[in-house]
């Protein structure tokens, strides 16, 4: 059997150059013209390149593409594609019948001289799969982690060639996604947003592509909004106050909703929180999405549908420990308040020192991130087993090892932990796994345990294997 070998960057560029059907333009801002350069170096570039340009100066860029407040952002990228793509068919009328046109664009911020910035960029391709066909768009956001600006430019050039090659020769969106880092190590480039749209990709649910980014290690976290549109976390959450609830949401119950609403009532009254800048995030980790190490993509989309129906933003992450999640979000929010909603049983796991055995500084190092300057945990009560009593923070210290009691008191005295005292305790008996079993088994009465919108969504879309009951006619 012949061994499969991935093509090098030069081989990919050459194959595109030799494909007379594919022709287009390149517009690159902020890191030289590294993508176009690969096609020139491969040879035969006249078969691919109609034009290359770099409107590096902001005044020139604005004159060509229109004004943008920020130059490394998705709106700027889309303005570039919208300007460049129509010019191909307008000026190359003799090629319209036989050519698959494309416009490639990127707008990038590489490492500055003082090494004080986060290098990142937006990269996009507008392309046809057949001559005279409507166009499709593929847009990605990258973070560059090389500590040398030249290496970042080199890596950017590889990603650009990979994107053009994949959209030219592949039709499977996951294959396109997985080929973007060919020839690169994941530690050099991170892709935290991927979206492919157009008439040839109407079947693609980009929320699923966001999951695949995290699942396949292209990034640690990806995000989409209530409308199901994928988002770039750093753009959407920049300098926002975040209230975060982690859960399985399988399905979301009255308890999940009460946790969010009750915590939000407290969060918005914090003295350092601006209400207009609050974003509520529901977070799913890969652990919460997998069973026996496998992720059921249909089940994921069911949960995504329901969470979106409740008007929530969804973050998918590979940050299993809370302190890693908070550290990631803190770098985005830049000092704004972060509230973490947590059940008191989950807090017990947070105080379990075994969780931190593999970190150099143990529990103290990790608590430095979890309980950072502007971080606060809102703790939801639980019912004490075989009792009418509630397990709250007032009884939490009693179960802690002696060496952690002072640490707990320190957090309490510094307002890092707060009880959610107005929780609707009448719903504490609701267990989502039990509700899910009722839905799957066709049992009556599960609707009373979930919000009305959730019940409607489950019934209308047949989520979680729900089957409408058959009414017998006698």
Protein backbone atom coordinates (compact mmCIF):
# COMPACT_ATOMS: atom_id res chain seq x y z
CA UNK A 1 0.00 0.00 0.00
CA UNK A 2 1.33 3.42 -0.92
CA UNK A 3 2.07 5.56 2.13
CA UNK A 4 0.15 8.83 2.30
CA UNK A 5 2.37 11.91 2.53
CA UNK A 6 1.20 15.43 3.19
CA UNK A 7 2.43 17.95 0.68
CA UNK A 8 4.88 20.61 1.76
CA UNK A 9 3.94 24.28 1.61
CA UNK A 10 5.93 24.70 -1.61
CA UNK A 11 4.28 21.64 -3.19
CA UNK A 12 0.83 22.94 -2.31
CA UNK A 13 1.58 26.38 -3.79
CA UNK A 14 2.99 24.79 -6.94
CA UNK A 15 -0.04 22.55 -7.42
CA UNK A 16 -2.33 25.59 -7.20
CA UNK A 17 -0.08 27.52 -9.61
CA UNK A 18 -0.29 24.69 -12.12
CA UNK A 19 -4.09 24.51 -11.84
CA UNK A 20 -5.10 26.91 -14.61
CA UNK A 21 -8.69 26.99 -13.41
CA UNK A 22 -7.83 28.76 -10.11
CA UNK A 23 -6.96 32.47 -10.21
CA UNK A 24 -7.15 35.31 -7.72
CA UNK A 25 -5.73 38.19 -5.75
CA UNK A 26 -3.90 38.68 -2.45
CA UNK A 27 -4.27 41.59 -0.02
CA UNK A 28 -2.10 41.35 3.08
CA UNK A 29 -1.70 43.90 5.86
CA UNK A 30 0.60 43.91 8.86
CA UNK A 31 3.16 41.16 8.31
CA UNK A 32 4.53 41.57 4.82
CA UNK A 33 3.15 39.50 1.98
CA UNK A 34 4.22 36.10 3.22
CA UNK A 35 1.36 34.11 1.68
CA UNK A 36 1.74 35.55 -1.81
CA UNK A 37 5.52 35.15 -1.49
CA UNK A 38 5.12 31.37 -1.20
CA UNK A 39 3.34 31.26 -4.55
CA UNK A 40 6.02 33.39 -6.21
CA UNK A 41 8.78 31.19 -4.82
CA UNK A 42 7.09 27.96 -5.89
CA UNK A 43 7.25 28.91 -9.57
CA UNK A 44 4.49 29.36 -12.12
CA UNK A 45 2.82 32.10 -10.08
CA UNK A 46 1.47 33.74 -13.23
CA UNK A 47 -1.02 30.89 -13.33
CA UNK A 48 -2.52 31.90 -9.97
CA UNK A 49 -1.84 35.53 -9.06
CA UNK A 50 -3.82 38.35 -10.61
CA UNK A 51 -2.64 40.92 -8.07
CA UNK A 52 -0.87 41.28 -4.75
CA UNK A 53 -1.01 44.35 -2.55
CA UNK A 54 -0.39 45.60 0.97
CA UNK A 55 -2.13 48.84 1.97
CA UNK A 56 0.08 49.06 5.05
CA UNK A 57 -0.40 52.74 5.79
CA UNK A 58 -3.72 53.39 7.58
CA UNK A 59 -4.63 56.33 5.34
CA UNK A 60 -4.09 54.26 2.21
CA UNK A 61 -6.00 51.36 3.75
CA UNK A 62 -8.95 53.59 4.65
CA UNK A 63 -8.96 55.14 1.18
CA UNK A 64 -9.23 51.70 -0.43
CA UNK A 65 -11.40 49.75 2.01
CA UNK A 66 -13.18 52.39 4.09
CA UNK A 67 -12.60 53.49 7.68
CA UNK A 68 -12.35 50.99 10.54
CA UNK A 69 -11.70 51.82 14.20
CA UNK A 70 -9.41 48.81 14.48
CA UNK A 71 -7.24 47.46 11.70
CA UNK A 72 -6.71 43.93 12.98
CA UNK A 73 -10.33 42.86 13.25
CA UNK A 74 -12.92 40.86 11.35
CA UNK A 75 -14.80 43.89 9.96
CA UNK A 76 -11.56 45.11 8.31
CA UNK A 77 -10.95 41.64 6.85
CA UNK A 78 -14.47 41.50 5.40
CA UNK A 79 -14.10 44.98 3.88
CA UNK A 80 -10.94 43.76 2.15
CA UNK A 81 -12.66 40.67 0.72
CA UNK A 82 -15.72 42.67 -0.35
CA UNK A 83 -13.52 45.14 -2.22
CA UNK A 84 -11.08 42.73 -3.84
CA UNK A 85 -13.31 39.85 -4.95
CA UNK A 86 -15.67 41.71 -7.37
CA UNK A 87 -12.70 43.27 -9.15
CA UNK A 88 -11.69 39.88 -10.51
CA UNK A 89 -14.78 39.27 -12.62
CA UNK A 90 -15.08 42.99 -13.48
CA UNK A 91 -11.57 43.21 -14.90
CA UNK A 92 -11.05 39.66 -16.11
CA UNK A 93 -14.23 39.19 -18.14
CA UNK A 94 -12.43 36.87 -20.55
CA UNK A 95 -11.83 34.38 -17.71
CA UNK A 96 -15.29 34.29 -16.12
CA UNK A 97 -16.46 31.22 -18.03
CA UNK A 98 -13.46 29.06 -17.19
CA UNK A 99 -12.00 30.32 -13.92
CA UNK A 100 -12.62 29.70 -10.24
CA UNK A 101 -11.86 33.11 -8.76
CA UNK A 102 -10.63 33.71 -5.22
CA UNK A 103 -9.66 36.68 -3.08
CA UNK A 104 -7.32 36.04 -0.17
CA UNK A 105 -6.89 38.63 2.59
CA UNK A 106 -5.29 38.94 5.99
CA UNK A 107 -4.83 41.70 8.54
CA UNK A 108 -2.25 40.86 11.16
CA UNK A 109 -0.42 42.22 14.20
CA UNK A 110 2.92 40.50 14.69
CA UNK A 111 5.25 40.72 17.69
CA UNK A 112 6.30 44.32 18.32
CA UNK A 113 9.83 45.45 19.04
CA UNK A 114 9.26 45.58 22.81
CA UNK A 115 7.48 42.18 22.83
CA UNK A 116 4.56 43.61 24.79
CA UNK A 117 1.66 42.62 22.54
CA UNK A 118 -0.35 39.48 21.73
CA UNK A 119 0.37 38.73 18.04
CA UNK A 120 -2.78 37.70 16.21
CA UNK A 121 -4.52 38.04 12.89
CA UNK A 122 -7.65 37.56 10.81
CA UNK A 123 -7.32 35.51 7.63
CA UNK A 124 -10.02 34.97 5.04
CA UNK A 125 -10.67 33.48 1.63
CA UNK A 126 -13.59 34.21 -0.70
CA UNK A 127 -13.68 31.48 -3.34
CA UNK A 128 -15.67 29.61 -5.96
CA UNK A 129 -15.84 25.84 -6.30
CA UNK A 130 -16.89 26.12 -9.95
CA UNK A 131 -16.58 28.85 -12.59
CA UNK A 132 -19.53 31.30 -12.57
CA UNK A 133 -20.72 29.89 -9.23
CA UNK A 134 -21.62 31.94 -6.17
CA UNK A 135 -18.79 32.48 -3.72
CA UNK A 136 -18.11 30.90 -0.34
CA UNK A 137 -16.21 32.43 2.58
CA UNK A 138 -13.77 30.80 4.97
CA UNK A 139 -12.61 33.01 7.84
CA UNK A 140 -10.23 32.13 10.67
CA UNK A 141 -8.59 33.94 13.57
CA UNK A 142 -5.07 32.98 14.62
CA UNK A 143 -2.84 33.65 17.61
CA UNK A 144 0.89 33.45 16.95
CA UNK A 145 3.14 32.13 19.72
CA UNK A 146 6.63 32.22 18.17
CA UNK A 147 8.90 34.59 20.09
CA UNK A 148 10.43 35.96 16.89
CA UNK A 149 8.61 38.21 14.42
CA UNK A 150 10.24 36.61 11.37
CA UNK A 151 9.16 33.16 12.50
CA UNK A 152 5.63 34.48 12.97
CA UNK A 153 5.60 35.79 9.41
CA UNK A 154 6.91 32.48 8.13
CA UNK A 155 4.20 30.57 10.02
CA UNK A 156 1.53 32.95 8.77
CA UNK A 157 2.61 32.27 5.19
CA UNK A 158 2.19 28.52 5.74
CA UNK A 159 -1.31 28.90 7.20
CA UNK A 160 -2.37 31.07 4.26
CA UNK A 161 -1.18 28.53 1.68
CA UNK A 162 -2.88 25.74 3.65
CA UNK A 163 -6.16 27.66 3.66
CA UNK A 164 -6.14 28.34 -0.08
CA UNK A 165 -5.09 24.77 -0.89
CA UNK A 166 -7.75 23.23 1.38
CA UNK A 167 -10.58 25.37 0.01
CA UNK A 168 -9.43 24.61 -3.55
CA UNK A 169 -9.14 20.83 -3.31
CA UNK A 170 -11.18 19.70 -0.28
CA UNK A 171 -14.94 19.72 0.16
CA UNK A 172 -15.18 18.30 3.68
CA UNK A 173 -15.12 21.20 6.20
CA UNK A 174 -13.39 19.12 8.89
CA UNK A 175 -10.68 18.17 6.39
CA UNK A 176 -10.24 21.86 5.60
CA UNK A 177 -10.01 22.65 9.30
CA UNK A 178 -7.54 19.91 10.13
CA UNK A 179 -5.19 20.81 7.27
CA UNK A 180 -4.71 24.44 8.32
CA UNK A 181 -1.71 23.69 10.53
CA UNK A 182 0.02 21.28 8.12
CA UNK A 183 3.74 21.86 8.42
CA UNK A 184 3.39 23.66 11.76
CA UNK A 185 3.39 22.67 15.40
CA UNK A 186 0.30 23.65 17.36
CA UNK A 187 2.44 25.53 19.87
CA UNK A 188 3.38 28.01 17.13
CA UNK A 189 -0.07 28.91 15.84
CA UNK A 190 -3.45 28.67 17.55
CA UNK A 191 -6.72 28.86 15.61
CA UNK A 192 -9.54 29.93 17.93
CA UNK A 193 -12.21 30.84 15.37
CA UNK A 194 -13.24 29.09 12.16
CA UNK A 195 -16.26 29.83 10.00
CA UNK A 196 -17.12 28.53 6.57
CA UNK A 197 -20.26 29.75 4.80
CA UNK A 198 -21.76 29.92 1.34
CA UNK A 199 -24.00 27.94 -1.00
CA UNK A 200 -21.62 24.96 -1.09
CA UNK A 201 -21.47 24.76 2.73
CA UNK A 202 -25.08 25.32 3.76
CA UNK A 203 -24.99 21.97 5.55
CA UNK A 204 -22.17 23.05 7.88
CA UNK A 205 -23.02 23.96 11.49
CA UNK A 206 -20.13 26.18 12.54
CA UNK A 207 -20.88 25.53 16.22
CA UNK A 208 -19.75 21.99 15.52
CA UNK A 209 -16.61 23.36 13.89
CA UNK A 210 -15.97 25.36 17.08
CA UNK A 211 -16.16 22.11 19.03
CA UNK A 212 -13.72 20.47 16.60
CA UNK A 213 -11.22 23.29 17.10
CA UNK A 214 -11.06 22.45 20.80
CA UNK A 215 -11.42 18.70 20.42
CA UNK A 216 -8.53 18.50 17.94
CA UNK A 217 -6.21 20.75 19.91
CA UNK A 218 -6.16 23.74 17.55
CA UNK A 219 -7.18 25.93 20.50
CA UNK A 220 -8.13 25.63 24.16
CA UNK A 221 -11.39 27.55 23.90
CA UNK A 222 -13.94 28.52 21.25
CA UNK A 223 -17.19 30.41 21.45
CA UNK A 224 -20.55 31.05 19.80
CA UNK A 225 -23.43 33.38 20.54
CA UNK A 226 -27.17 32.98 21.19
CA UNK A 227 -27.81 33.16 17.44
CA UNK A 228 -25.44 30.24 16.86
CA UNK A 229 -22.81 32.41 15.13
CA UNK A 230 -19.23 31.56 16.04
CA UNK A 231 -17.27 34.32 17.75
CA UNK A 232 -13.66 35.08 18.53
CA UNK A 233 -13.44 35.12 22.35
CA UNK A 234 -10.83 37.87 22.67
CA UNK A 235 -12.92 40.22 20.51
CA UNK A 236 -16.27 39.49 22.15
CA UNK A 237 -15.08 39.42 25.78
CA UNK A 238 -12.45 42.16 25.70
CA UNK A 239 -12.81 44.36 28.80
CA UNK A 240 -16.19 42.83 29.66
CA UNK A 241 -17.43 41.72 33.08
CA UNK A 242 -18.01 37.97 32.86
CA UNK A 243 -20.39 35.76 34.81
CA UNK A 244 -19.65 32.11 34.08
CA UNK A 245 -21.60 28.93 34.76
CA UNK A 246 -19.98 25.58 33.97
CA UNK A 247 -22.25 22.61 33.47
CA UNK A 248 -23.35 19.65 31.39
CA UNK A 249 -26.76 21.18 30.55
CA UNK A 250 -28.13 17.80 29.54
CA UNK A 251 -30.73 19.25 29.63
CA UNK A 252 -30.70 22.64 31.39
CA UNK A 253 -33.08 22.48 34.34
CA UNK A 254 -34.74 25.01 36.64
CA UNK A 255 -31.68 24.66 38.88
CA UNK A 256 -29.28 25.79 36.12
CA UNK A 257 -31.46 28.79 35.27
CA UNK A 258 -31.87 29.76 38.93
CA UNK A 259 -28.10 29.57 39.43
CA UNK A 260 -27.62 32.03 36.57
CA UNK A 261 -30.39 34.43 37.55
CA UNK A 262 -29.63 34.46 41.28
CA UNK A 263 -25.90 34.98 40.71
CA UNK A 264 -26.57 37.70 38.16
CA UNK A 265 -28.70 39.61 40.68
CA UNK A 266 -25.68 39.70 42.97
CA UNK A 267 -23.09 40.26 40.26
CA UNK A 268 -24.70 43.34 38.76
CA UNK A 269 -24.71 45.06 42.17
CA UNK A 270 -20.98 44.58 42.73
CA UNK A 271 -19.43 48.06 43.10
CA UNK A 272 -16.81 47.42 40.39
CA UNK A 273 -19.24 46.08 37.76
CA UNK A 274 -20.75 48.16 34.95
CA UNK A 275 -24.09 46.58 34.07
CA UNK A 276 -23.85 47.51 30.39
CA UNK A 277 -20.63 45.47 30.07
CA UNK A 278 -21.85 42.20 31.61
CA UNK A 279 -21.63 39.04 29.49
CA UNK A 280 -23.10 35.80 30.83
CA UNK A 281 -21.26 32.68 29.65
CA UNK A 282 -22.36 29.07 29.89
CA UNK A 283 -19.30 26.87 29.59
CA UNK A 284 -18.99 23.29 28.39
CA UNK A 285 -15.70 21.47 28.85
CA UNK A 286 -14.63 18.48 26.77
CA UNK A 287 -15.02 16.40 29.94
CA UNK A 288 -18.67 17.39 30.16
CA UNK A 289 -19.20 16.60 26.48
CA UNK A 290 -17.62 13.15 26.41
CA UNK A 291 -18.74 9.74 27.52
CA UNK A 292 -16.07 7.04 27.68
CA UNK A 293 -13.67 9.41 25.92
CA UNK A 294 -15.94 9.89 22.88
CA UNK A 295 -17.88 13.05 22.04
CA UNK A 296 -21.38 12.63 20.64
CA UNK A 297 -21.65 15.50 18.17
CA UNK A 298 -25.42 15.19 17.84
CA UNK A 299 -25.81 15.37 21.60
CA UNK A 300 -23.55 18.43 21.65
CA UNK A 301 -25.70 20.20 19.07
CA UNK A 302 -28.83 19.34 21.06
CA UNK A 303 -27.36 21.04 24.11
CA UNK A 304 -26.14 23.97 22.02
CA UNK A 305 -29.63 24.43 20.53
CA UNK A 306 -31.21 24.57 23.97
CA UNK A 307 -28.64 26.90 25.53
CA UNK A 308 -28.95 29.24 22.55
CA UNK A 309 -32.75 29.18 22.91
CA UNK A 310 -32.23 30.59 26.42
CA UNK A 311 -30.26 33.51 24.95
CA UNK A 312 -26.87 32.45 26.30
CA UNK A 313 -23.33 32.70 24.97
CA UNK A 314 -21.54 29.35 24.92
CA UNK A 315 -17.85 28.77 25.59
CA UNK A 316 -16.36 25.36 24.77
CA UNK A 317 -13.08 24.81 26.57
CA UNK A 318 -10.37 22.32 27.34
CA UNK A 319 -9.71 23.98 30.72
CA UNK A 320 -10.80 21.21 33.05
CA UNK A 321 -9.61 23.01 36.20
CA UNK A 322 -11.38 26.22 37.17
CA UNK A 323 -8.14 28.09 37.81
CA UNK A 324 -7.01 27.50 34.21
CA UNK A 325 -10.33 28.83 32.89
CA UNK A 326 -10.10 31.93 35.07
CA UNK A 327 -6.49 32.55 34.04
CA UNK A 328 -7.54 32.39 30.36
CA UNK A 329 -10.49 34.73 30.83
CA UNK A 330 -8.50 37.19 32.95
CA UNK A 331 -6.05 37.75 30.12
CA UNK A 332 -9.00 38.79 27.90
CA UNK A 333 -11.02 40.91 30.33
CA UNK A 334 -7.98 42.99 31.34
CA UNK A 335 -8.92 43.58 34.98
CA UNK A 336 -12.71 43.50 34.67
CA UNK A 337 -14.76 41.49 37.16
CA UNK A 338 -15.16 37.74 36.69
CA UNK A 339 -17.84 35.88 38.59
CA UNK A 340 -17.82 32.09 38.69
CA UNK A 341 -21.08 30.35 39.62
CA UNK A 342 -20.42 27.08 41.37
CA UNK A 343 -22.36 24.49 43.34
CA UNK A 344 -21.01 23.94 46.82
CA UNK A 345 -20.18 20.32 46.02
CA UNK A 346 -17.94 21.54 43.20
CA UNK A 347 -16.25 23.90 45.67
CA UNK A 348 -15.28 20.85 47.72
CA UNK A 349 -13.35 19.55 44.70
CA UNK A 350 -11.68 22.95 44.31
CA UNK A 351 -10.34 22.63 47.87
CA UNK A 352 -9.08 19.08 47.27
CA UNK A 353 -5.28 19.32 47.29
CA UNK A 354 -4.97 16.19 45.14
CA UNK A 355 -6.24 18.29 42.21
CA UNK A 356 -3.00 20.31 42.28
CA UNK A 357 -0.43 17.58 42.84
CA UNK A 358 1.17 18.09 39.43
CA UNK A 359 1.64 21.85 39.75
CA UNK A 360 4.86 23.24 41.15
CA UNK A 361 3.22 25.56 43.68
CA UNK A 362 0.35 23.26 44.59
CA UNK A 363 -2.94 24.69 45.78
CA UNK A 364 -1.49 28.14 46.56
CA UNK A 365 -0.20 28.65 43.03
CA UNK A 366 -3.53 27.65 41.52
CA UNK A 367 -5.60 29.67 43.98
CA UNK A 368 -3.59 32.74 42.96
CA UNK A 369 -5.25 32.45 39.52
CA UNK A 370 -8.66 31.23 40.65
CA UNK A 371 -9.05 33.95 43.27
CA UNK A 372 -7.28 36.74 41.40
CA UNK A 373 -7.75 40.45 42.04
CA UNK A 374 -11.13 40.76 40.34
CA UNK A 375 -12.48 37.21 40.68
CA UNK A 376 -15.32 36.11 42.94
CA UNK A 377 -17.11 32.77 43.37
CA UNK A 378 -20.87 32.66 43.91
CA UNK A 379 -21.74 29.43 45.69
CA UNK A 380 -25.08 27.71 45.16
CA UNK A 381 -26.37 25.56 48.04
CA UNK A 382 -27.11 21.83 48.03
CA UNK A 383 -29.53 19.67 49.96
CA UNK A 384 -27.91 17.65 52.73
CA UNK A 385 -28.55 13.98 51.99
CA UNK A 386 -31.48 12.52 53.89
CA UNK A 387 -32.16 15.88 55.52
CA UNK A 388 -34.10 19.09 55.04
CA UNK A 389 -30.98 21.12 55.86
CA UNK A 390 -29.00 23.06 53.28
CA UNK A 391 -25.25 22.81 52.76
CA UNK A 392 -23.93 26.37 52.55
CA UNK A 393 -20.66 28.19 53.10
CA UNK A 394 -21.47 28.52 56.79
CA UNK A 395 -20.98 24.78 57.16
CA UNK A 396 -18.18 24.36 54.65
CA UNK A 397 -15.19 24.92 56.91
CA UNK A 398 -16.12 22.07 59.24
CA UNK A 399 -15.35 19.48 56.54
CA UNK A 400 -12.02 20.99 55.49
CA UNK A 401 -8.64 19.60 56.57
CA UNK A 402 -7.07 21.65 59.35
CA UNK A 403 -4.35 23.07 57.07
CA UNK A 404 -6.93 24.61 54.73
CA UNK A 405 -9.30 26.18 57.26
CA UNK A 406 -7.29 29.42 57.52
CA UNK A 407 -7.11 29.66 53.72
CA UNK A 408 -10.89 29.33 53.52
CA UNK A 409 -11.38 32.01 56.20
CA UNK A 410 -9.02 34.33 54.32
CA UNK A 411 -11.11 33.99 51.16
CA UNK A 412 -14.34 34.61 53.06
CA UNK A 413 -12.96 37.65 54.85
CA UNK A 414 -11.73 39.13 51.56
CA UNK A 415 -15.09 38.73 49.81
CA UNK A 416 -13.87 36.04 47.38
CA UNK A 417 -16.68 33.63 48.22
CA UNK A 418 -20.35 34.45 48.64
CA UNK A 419 -23.44 32.35 49.27
CA UNK A 420 -26.34 32.59 46.85
CA UNK A 421 -28.86 32.96 49.68
CA UNK A 422 -31.93 33.67 47.55
CA UNK A 423 -31.68 30.37 45.66
CA UNK A 424 -34.95 28.62 44.88
CA UNK A 425 -34.32 25.67 47.19
CA UNK A 426 -37.59 23.97 46.17
CA UNK A 427 -35.82 22.86 42.97
CA UNK A 428 -32.72 21.36 44.57
CA UNK A 429 -34.14 17.86 44.17
CA UNK A 430 -33.99 18.17 40.36
CA UNK A 431 -31.16 16.10 38.87
CA UNK A 432 -30.51 16.59 35.14
CA UNK A 433 -29.54 12.92 34.62
CA UNK A 434 -32.93 11.85 35.99
CA UNK A 435 -34.72 14.32 33.72
CA UNK A 436 -32.73 13.04 30.72
CA UNK A 437 -33.69 9.45 31.54
CA UNK A 438 -37.36 10.45 31.68
CA UNK A 439 -37.12 12.11 28.27
CA UNK A 440 -35.37 9.13 26.68
CA UNK A 441 -37.81 6.64 28.24
CA UNK A 442 -40.88 8.60 27.13
CA UNK A 443 -42.05 9.14 30.72
CA UNK A 444 -44.63 11.77 31.57
CA UNK A 445 -43.95 14.86 33.65
CA UNK A 446 -40.36 15.74 32.79
CA UNK A 447 -41.49 19.12 31.46
CA UNK A 448 -42.04 20.49 34.99
CA UNK A 449 -38.32 20.19 35.76
CA UNK A 450 -37.08 22.37 32.89
CA UNK A 451 -37.86 25.91 31.68
CA UNK A 452 -40.75 26.21 29.24
CA UNK A 453 -38.45 27.22 26.36
CA UNK A 454 -36.31 24.15 26.97
CA UNK A 455 -39.33 21.83 26.96
CA UNK A 456 -40.59 23.42 23.73
CA UNK A 457 -37.21 23.03 22.04
CA UNK A 458 -36.90 19.38 23.07
CA UNK A 459 -40.36 18.55 21.76
CA UNK A 460 -40.22 20.56 18.55
CA UNK A 461 -36.77 19.29 17.51
CA UNK A 462 -36.90 15.81 18.99
CA UNK A 463 -33.81 16.49 21.11
CA UNK A 464 -32.28 13.88 23.42
CA UNK A 465 -34.17 11.09 21.59
CA UNK A 466 -37.51 12.58 22.60
CA UNK A 467 -40.44 10.83 20.92
CA UNK A 468 -43.94 12.31 21.05
CA UNK A 469 -46.33 10.02 22.88
CA UNK A 470 -48.72 8.13 20.64
CA UNK A 471 -52.35 8.73 21.56
CA UNK A 472 -54.44 5.59 21.13
CA UNK A 473 -57.79 6.09 19.43
CA UNK A 474 -60.49 3.77 20.68
